[in-house]
Each structure stands twice: as structure tokens, then as C-alpha cells.
Amino acid sequence: MEAEVSLAAAGAAVLAGLGYFLLQALGEVAADEAKEAAFRRPSLAMRRRRHRGLTKAGFLCAVLAFGSAFLWLAVITNDFQDDARDARMLLALVAIFGVTAVCLLAAWWRRAVKPPH
């Protein structure tokens, strides 16, 4: 009985070792494919140089959204009840500038990844 248990344990160890080596080999192949795909893409510095207008406009909209959010926060934290209309206007500006910034930066990212023709 002890011999059967020892043989079963040895067999399980051998199978575990073979499984480990098989998974290691498959993992290396998958990692190599991912590495090759990453190196086929242009570098971030090259992407940043393309479509500078989209980048600058998106950054400007993001700054304006942040400034509007700062003013909105200042308006809603004061004690005056007359500023509710101003708070709604500033919140609308935050939403408009924020969505515009996201759209412009997403468009830049999509266009910058594609190689120029």
C-alpha cells in the first residue's frame, strides 16, 4: 500500500512538473506575441507629435473644465441662495468642456496610433 501511495505521489509530481513546463512555454509564446504587438505600435513620443491641434484643444478644454469646476465649487459652498442659477450654468460648462476634452483627446489618440499615409 505504501508503494502505491509513493508511486502516485511521484506520478503527481511528474505530471505537475510537466504541466508547469507546458504552461511556461505557452506563457512565453503569448508574452512574445504581446511584446511584438507592442513594438509594432509607434512610441508615445511619435504619437504626441501627430495631430498637435487636437492635443492642444483637448488640453485647453480640460483646463477650462477644471476652472469651471473650481468656480462651481466656490458658488455652491457660499451661503447665498441667489447663486443657484449661476451654479447650474457653471455645472453645464463643466459638463460641456469635460465631454469636449474627452472627445478631442480620444480622437487624437485614435488618429495618433495610425501610421501616417
N, C-alpha and C. Protein backbone atom coordinates (compact mmCIF):
# COMPACT_ATOMS: atom_id res chain seq x y z
N MET A 1 0.81 -1.18 0.00
CA MET A 1 0.00 0.00 0.00
C MET A 1 0.86 1.26 0.00
N GLU A 2 1.93 1.25 0.78
CA GLU A 2 2.82 2.42 0.83
C GLU A 2 3.50 2.64 -0.51
N ALA A 3 3.80 1.60 -1.23
CA ALA A 3 4.46 1.72 -2.52
C ALA A 3 3.52 2.39 -3.53
N GLU A 4 2.23 2.02 -3.46
CA GLU A 4 1.26 2.63 -4.38
C GLU A 4 1.10 4.12 -4.11
N VAL A 5 1.09 4.48 -2.83
CA VAL A 5 0.97 5.89 -2.47
C VAL A 5 2.21 6.64 -2.93
N SER A 6 3.38 6.06 -2.76
CA SER A 6 4.62 6.70 -3.18
C SER A 6 4.66 6.87 -4.69
N LEU A 7 4.22 5.83 -5.41
CA LEU A 7 4.19 5.91 -6.87
C LEU A 7 3.17 6.96 -7.34
N ALA A 8 2.04 7.01 -6.66
CA ALA A 8 1.04 8.01 -7.03
C ALA A 8 1.55 9.42 -6.77
N ALA A 9 2.24 9.61 -5.66
CA ALA A 9 2.80 10.93 -5.34
C ALA A 9 3.88 11.30 -6.34
N ALA A 10 4.72 10.34 -6.71
CA ALA A 10 5.78 10.61 -7.69
C ALA A 10 5.15 10.93 -9.05
N GLY A 11 4.11 10.19 -9.43
CA GLY A 11 3.43 10.45 -10.70
C GLY A 11 2.78 11.83 -10.71
N ALA A 12 2.16 12.19 -9.59
CA ALA A 12 1.55 13.52 -9.50
C ALA A 12 2.60 14.61 -9.59
N ALA A 13 3.76 14.38 -8.97
CA ALA A 13 4.84 15.37 -9.04
C ALA A 13 5.36 15.51 -10.47
N VAL A 14 5.50 14.38 -11.17
CA VAL A 14 5.97 14.42 -12.56
C VAL A 14 4.94 15.15 -13.43
N LEU A 15 3.66 14.83 -13.26
CA LEU A 15 2.61 15.50 -14.03
C LEU A 15 2.56 16.99 -13.72
N ALA A 16 2.73 17.35 -12.47
CA ALA A 16 2.75 18.76 -12.09
C ALA A 16 3.93 19.47 -12.74
N GLY A 17 5.09 18.83 -12.74
CA GLY A 17 6.28 19.42 -13.38
C GLY A 17 6.08 19.59 -14.87
N LEU A 18 5.52 18.58 -15.54
CA LEU A 18 5.27 18.68 -16.97
C LEU A 18 4.23 19.77 -17.27
N GLY A 19 3.21 19.85 -16.44
CA GLY A 19 2.21 20.89 -16.61
C GLY A 19 2.81 22.27 -16.44
N TYR A 20 3.72 22.40 -15.46
CA TYR A 20 4.38 23.68 -15.24
C TYR A 20 5.20 24.08 -16.46
N PHE A 21 5.98 23.14 -17.00
CA PHE A 21 6.81 23.45 -18.15
C PHE A 21 5.95 23.76 -19.38
N LEU A 22 4.83 23.06 -19.54
CA LEU A 22 3.94 23.33 -20.65
C LEU A 22 3.33 24.73 -20.54
N LEU A 23 2.85 25.08 -19.34
CA LEU A 23 2.29 26.41 -19.13
C LEU A 23 3.36 27.50 -19.29
N GLN A 24 4.58 27.20 -18.86
CA GLN A 24 5.68 28.16 -19.01
C GLN A 24 5.96 28.42 -20.49
N ALA A 25 5.99 27.36 -21.29
CA ALA A 25 6.25 27.52 -22.72
C ALA A 25 5.11 28.28 -23.40
N LEU A 26 3.86 27.96 -23.07
CA LEU A 26 2.73 28.68 -23.65
C LEU A 26 2.72 30.15 -23.21
N GLY A 27 3.08 30.40 -21.97
CA GLY A 27 3.15 31.77 -21.47
C GLY A 27 4.21 32.59 -22.19
N GLU A 28 5.36 31.97 -22.48
CA GLU A 28 6.42 32.68 -23.20
C GLU A 28 5.99 33.02 -24.61
N VAL A 29 5.29 32.08 -25.26
CA VAL A 29 4.81 32.35 -26.62
C VAL A 29 3.81 33.50 -26.60
N ALA A 30 2.88 33.48 -25.65
CA ALA A 30 1.89 34.55 -25.56
C ALA A 30 2.56 35.88 -25.23
N ALA A 31 3.53 35.87 -24.35
CA ALA A 31 4.24 37.11 -23.99
C ALA A 31 5.03 37.65 -25.17
N ASP A 32 5.64 36.76 -25.96
CA ASP A 32 6.39 37.21 -27.13
C ASP A 32 5.47 37.86 -28.15
N GLU A 33 4.28 37.29 -28.35
CA GLU A 33 3.34 37.89 -29.29
C GLU A 33 2.89 39.27 -28.80
N ALA A 34 2.63 39.39 -27.51
CA ALA A 34 2.22 40.68 -26.96
C ALA A 34 3.36 41.69 -27.08
N LYS A 35 4.57 41.26 -26.84
CA LYS A 35 5.72 42.17 -26.94
C LYS A 35 5.90 42.64 -28.38
N GLU A 36 5.76 41.73 -29.33
CA GLU A 36 5.89 42.11 -30.73
C GLU A 36 4.79 43.09 -31.14
N ALA A 37 3.57 42.86 -30.66
CA ALA A 37 2.47 43.78 -30.97
C ALA A 37 2.72 45.15 -30.38
N ALA A 38 3.30 45.19 -29.19
CA ALA A 38 3.59 46.48 -28.55
C ALA A 38 4.69 47.23 -29.30
N PHE A 39 5.68 46.52 -29.80
CA PHE A 39 6.76 47.19 -30.50
C PHE A 39 6.37 47.62 -31.91
N ARG A 40 5.30 47.04 -32.47
CA ARG A 40 4.84 47.48 -33.78
C ARG A 40 4.15 48.83 -33.70
N ARG A 41 3.62 49.19 -32.54
CA ARG A 41 2.95 50.47 -32.37
C ARG A 41 4.00 51.58 -32.27
N PRO A 42 3.67 52.77 -32.76
CA PRO A 42 4.62 53.87 -32.63
C PRO A 42 4.78 54.28 -31.17
N SER A 43 5.92 54.83 -30.86
CA SER A 43 6.19 55.23 -29.48
C SER A 43 5.31 56.41 -29.10
N LEU A 44 5.21 56.65 -27.80
CA LEU A 44 4.37 57.75 -27.32
C LEU A 44 4.91 59.09 -27.80
N ALA A 45 6.22 59.23 -27.89
CA ALA A 45 6.80 60.49 -28.37
C ALA A 45 6.40 60.76 -29.83
N MET A 46 6.38 59.70 -30.65
CA MET A 46 5.97 59.88 -32.03
C MET A 46 4.48 60.21 -32.11
N ARG A 47 3.67 59.56 -31.28
CA ARG A 47 2.23 59.81 -31.29
C ARG A 47 1.93 61.23 -30.82
N ARG A 48 2.71 61.72 -29.88
CA ARG A 48 2.47 63.05 -29.34
C ARG A 48 2.72 64.12 -30.39
N ARG A 49 3.62 63.85 -31.34
CA ARG A 49 3.93 64.83 -32.38
C ARG A 49 2.85 64.93 -33.44
N ARG A 50 2.02 63.91 -33.56
CA ARG A 50 0.98 63.91 -34.58
C ARG A 50 -0.28 64.60 -34.06
N HIS A 51 -0.91 65.34 -34.94
CA HIS A 51 -2.20 66.00 -34.65
C HIS A 51 -2.11 66.87 -33.40
N ARG A 52 -1.17 67.79 -33.41
CA ARG A 52 -0.95 68.66 -32.25
C ARG A 52 -2.16 69.53 -31.94
N GLY A 53 -2.93 69.89 -32.96
CA GLY A 53 -4.10 70.74 -32.74
C GLY A 53 -5.14 70.05 -31.86
N LEU A 54 -5.36 68.75 -32.10
CA LEU A 54 -6.30 68.02 -31.27
C LEU A 54 -5.81 67.94 -29.83
N THR A 55 -4.53 67.73 -29.67
CA THR A 55 -3.96 67.63 -28.32
C THR A 55 -4.12 68.95 -27.57
N LYS A 56 -3.75 70.04 -28.23
CA LYS A 56 -3.83 71.34 -27.57
C LYS A 56 -5.27 71.74 -27.26
N ALA A 57 -6.18 71.48 -28.20
CA ALA A 57 -7.58 71.82 -27.97
C ALA A 57 -8.17 70.98 -26.84
N GLY A 58 -7.84 69.68 -26.81
CA GLY A 58 -8.32 68.82 -25.74
C GLY A 58 -7.78 69.24 -24.38
N PHE A 59 -6.50 69.61 -24.34
CA PHE A 59 -5.91 70.07 -23.09
C PHE A 59 -6.54 71.38 -22.64
N LEU A 60 -6.78 72.30 -23.58
CA LEU A 60 -7.42 73.57 -23.24
C LEU A 60 -8.83 73.35 -22.69
N CYS A 61 -9.59 72.45 -23.30
CA CYS A 61 -10.94 72.16 -22.80
C CYS A 61 -10.88 71.52 -21.41
N ALA A 62 -9.88 70.68 -21.18
CA ALA A 62 -9.74 70.07 -19.86
C ALA A 62 -9.42 71.13 -18.80
N VAL A 63 -8.56 72.09 -19.14
CA VAL A 63 -8.24 73.17 -18.21
C VAL A 63 -9.46 74.04 -17.94
N LEU A 64 -10.23 74.34 -18.99
CA LEU A 64 -11.45 75.14 -18.81
C LEU A 64 -12.49 74.38 -17.98
N ALA A 65 -12.57 73.06 -18.15
CA ALA A 65 -13.50 72.26 -17.34
C ALA A 65 -13.07 72.28 -15.88
N PHE A 66 -11.76 72.18 -15.63
CA PHE A 66 -11.27 72.23 -14.25
C PHE A 66 -11.53 73.60 -13.63
N GLY A 67 -11.29 74.67 -14.39
CA GLY A 67 -11.55 76.03 -13.88
C GLY A 67 -13.02 76.24 -13.60
N SER A 68 -13.88 75.76 -14.49
CA SER A 68 -15.32 75.88 -14.26
C SER A 68 -15.77 75.07 -13.05
N ALA A 69 -15.16 73.91 -12.87
CA ALA A 69 -15.49 73.08 -11.70
C ALA A 69 -15.06 73.77 -10.41
N PHE A 70 -13.92 74.43 -10.45
CA PHE A 70 -13.45 75.17 -9.28
C PHE A 70 -14.41 76.31 -8.94
N LEU A 71 -14.85 77.05 -9.96
CA LEU A 71 -15.81 78.14 -9.73
C LEU A 71 -17.16 77.60 -9.26
N TRP A 72 -17.60 76.48 -9.84
CA TRP A 72 -18.86 75.85 -9.41
C TRP A 72 -18.79 75.46 -7.95
N LEU A 73 -17.66 74.89 -7.54
CA LEU A 73 -17.49 74.51 -6.14
C LEU A 73 -17.52 75.74 -5.23
N ALA A 74 -16.93 76.84 -5.68
CA ALA A 74 -16.95 78.07 -4.89
C ALA A 74 -18.37 78.62 -4.78
N VAL A 75 -19.15 78.52 -5.85
CA VAL A 75 -20.51 79.06 -5.83
C VAL A 75 -21.42 78.23 -4.93
N ILE A 76 -21.28 76.89 -4.98
CA ILE A 76 -22.21 76.07 -4.18
C ILE A 76 -21.84 76.04 -2.70
N THR A 77 -20.63 76.44 -2.36
CA THR A 77 -20.24 76.41 -0.95
C THR A 77 -20.46 77.73 -0.24
N ASN A 78 -20.82 78.79 -0.98
CA ASN A 78 -21.11 80.05 -0.28
C ASN A 78 -22.52 80.00 0.30
N ASP A 79 -22.86 80.94 1.11
CA ASP A 79 -24.13 80.93 1.82
C ASP A 79 -25.25 81.69 1.11
N PHE A 80 -25.00 82.20 -0.08
CA PHE A 80 -26.01 82.99 -0.78
C PHE A 80 -26.94 82.08 -1.58
N GLN A 81 -28.23 82.28 -1.44
CA GLN A 81 -29.22 81.47 -2.16
C GLN A 81 -29.46 81.99 -3.58
N ASP A 82 -29.01 83.20 -3.86
CA ASP A 82 -29.23 83.81 -5.17
C ASP A 82 -28.33 83.21 -6.26
N ASP A 83 -27.36 82.40 -5.88
CA ASP A 83 -26.38 81.89 -6.83
C ASP A 83 -26.74 80.52 -7.41
N ALA A 84 -27.96 80.04 -7.22
CA ALA A 84 -28.34 78.72 -7.72
C ALA A 84 -28.30 78.68 -9.25
N ARG A 85 -28.75 79.77 -9.89
CA ARG A 85 -28.73 79.82 -11.36
C ARG A 85 -27.29 79.81 -11.87
N ASP A 86 -26.41 80.53 -11.20
CA ASP A 86 -25.00 80.53 -11.59
C ASP A 86 -24.37 79.16 -11.42
N ALA A 87 -24.76 78.48 -10.37
CA ALA A 87 -24.21 77.13 -10.13
C ALA A 87 -24.64 76.18 -11.24
N ARG A 88 -25.89 76.26 -11.67
CA ARG A 88 -26.36 75.39 -12.77
C ARG A 88 -25.62 75.71 -14.06
N MET A 89 -25.38 77.01 -14.32
CA MET A 89 -24.67 77.40 -15.52
C MET A 89 -23.22 76.88 -15.50
N LEU A 90 -22.58 77.00 -14.36
CA LEU A 90 -21.20 76.52 -14.26
C LEU A 90 -21.12 75.00 -14.36
N LEU A 91 -22.11 74.32 -13.80
CA LEU A 91 -22.14 72.86 -13.90
C LEU A 91 -22.33 72.43 -15.36
N ALA A 92 -23.14 73.17 -16.11
CA ALA A 92 -23.32 72.89 -17.53
C ALA A 92 -22.00 73.12 -18.28
N LEU A 93 -21.28 74.17 -17.93
CA LEU A 93 -19.98 74.43 -18.55
C LEU A 93 -18.97 73.32 -18.24
N VAL A 94 -18.99 72.84 -17.00
CA VAL A 94 -18.10 71.73 -16.64
C VAL A 94 -18.41 70.51 -17.50
N ALA A 95 -19.69 70.20 -17.66
CA ALA A 95 -20.07 69.04 -18.46
C ALA A 95 -19.69 69.23 -19.93
N ILE A 96 -19.96 70.41 -20.47
CA ILE A 96 -19.65 70.65 -21.89
C ILE A 96 -18.15 70.60 -22.14
N PHE A 97 -17.38 71.32 -21.33
CA PHE A 97 -15.93 71.32 -21.52
C PHE A 97 -15.33 69.94 -21.25
N GLY A 98 -15.84 69.23 -20.26
CA GLY A 98 -15.32 67.90 -19.94
C GLY A 98 -15.57 66.90 -21.05
N VAL A 99 -16.78 66.88 -21.56
CA VAL A 99 -17.10 65.95 -22.66
C VAL A 99 -16.31 66.31 -23.91
N THR A 100 -16.18 67.60 -24.18
CA THR A 100 -15.41 68.03 -25.35
C THR A 100 -13.94 67.63 -25.21
N ALA A 101 -13.39 67.80 -24.03
CA ALA A 101 -11.99 67.42 -23.81
C ALA A 101 -11.80 65.92 -24.01
N VAL A 102 -12.70 65.12 -23.47
CA VAL A 102 -12.59 63.67 -23.63
C VAL A 102 -12.70 63.28 -25.10
N CYS A 103 -13.63 63.88 -25.81
CA CYS A 103 -13.82 63.55 -27.23
C CYS A 103 -12.59 63.96 -28.06
N LEU A 104 -12.06 65.15 -27.81
CA LEU A 104 -10.89 65.60 -28.57
C LEU A 104 -9.67 64.74 -28.28
N LEU A 105 -9.44 64.41 -27.01
CA LEU A 105 -8.28 63.59 -26.67
C LEU A 105 -8.44 62.16 -27.16
N ALA A 106 -9.66 61.64 -27.17
CA ALA A 106 -9.89 60.30 -27.72
C ALA A 106 -9.66 60.29 -29.23
N ALA A 107 -10.11 61.34 -29.92
CA ALA A 107 -9.87 61.44 -31.36
C ALA A 107 -8.39 61.54 -31.65
N TRP A 108 -7.68 62.32 -30.85
CA TRP A 108 -6.22 62.41 -31.02
C TRP A 108 -5.58 61.06 -30.82
N TRP A 109 -5.98 60.32 -29.80
CA TRP A 109 -5.37 59.02 -29.51
C TRP A 109 -5.61 58.06 -30.66
N ARG A 110 -6.82 58.03 -31.19
CA ARG A 110 -7.13 57.12 -32.30
C ARG A 110 -6.33 57.48 -33.54
N ARG A 111 -6.26 58.77 -33.84
CA ARG A 111 -5.53 59.17 -35.06
C ARG A 111 -4.03 59.06 -34.90
N ALA A 112 -3.53 59.25 -33.69
CA ALA A 112 -2.09 59.22 -33.48
C ALA A 112 -1.54 57.81 -33.54
N VAL A 113 -2.35 56.81 -33.27
CA VAL A 113 -1.88 55.42 -33.30
C VAL A 113 -1.71 54.96 -34.73
N LYS A 114 -2.55 55.44 -35.64
CA LYS A 114 -2.46 55.03 -37.04
C LYS A 114 -1.24 55.66 -37.68
N PRO A 115 -0.49 54.89 -38.47
CA PRO A 115 0.68 55.48 -39.14
C PRO A 115 0.24 56.45 -40.24
N PRO A 116 1.01 57.51 -40.46
CA PRO A 116 0.63 58.48 -41.49
C PRO A 116 0.75 57.85 -42.87
N HIS A 117 -0.13 58.23 -43.77
CA HIS A 117 -0.11 57.67 -45.14
C HIS A 117 0.64 58.57 -46.06
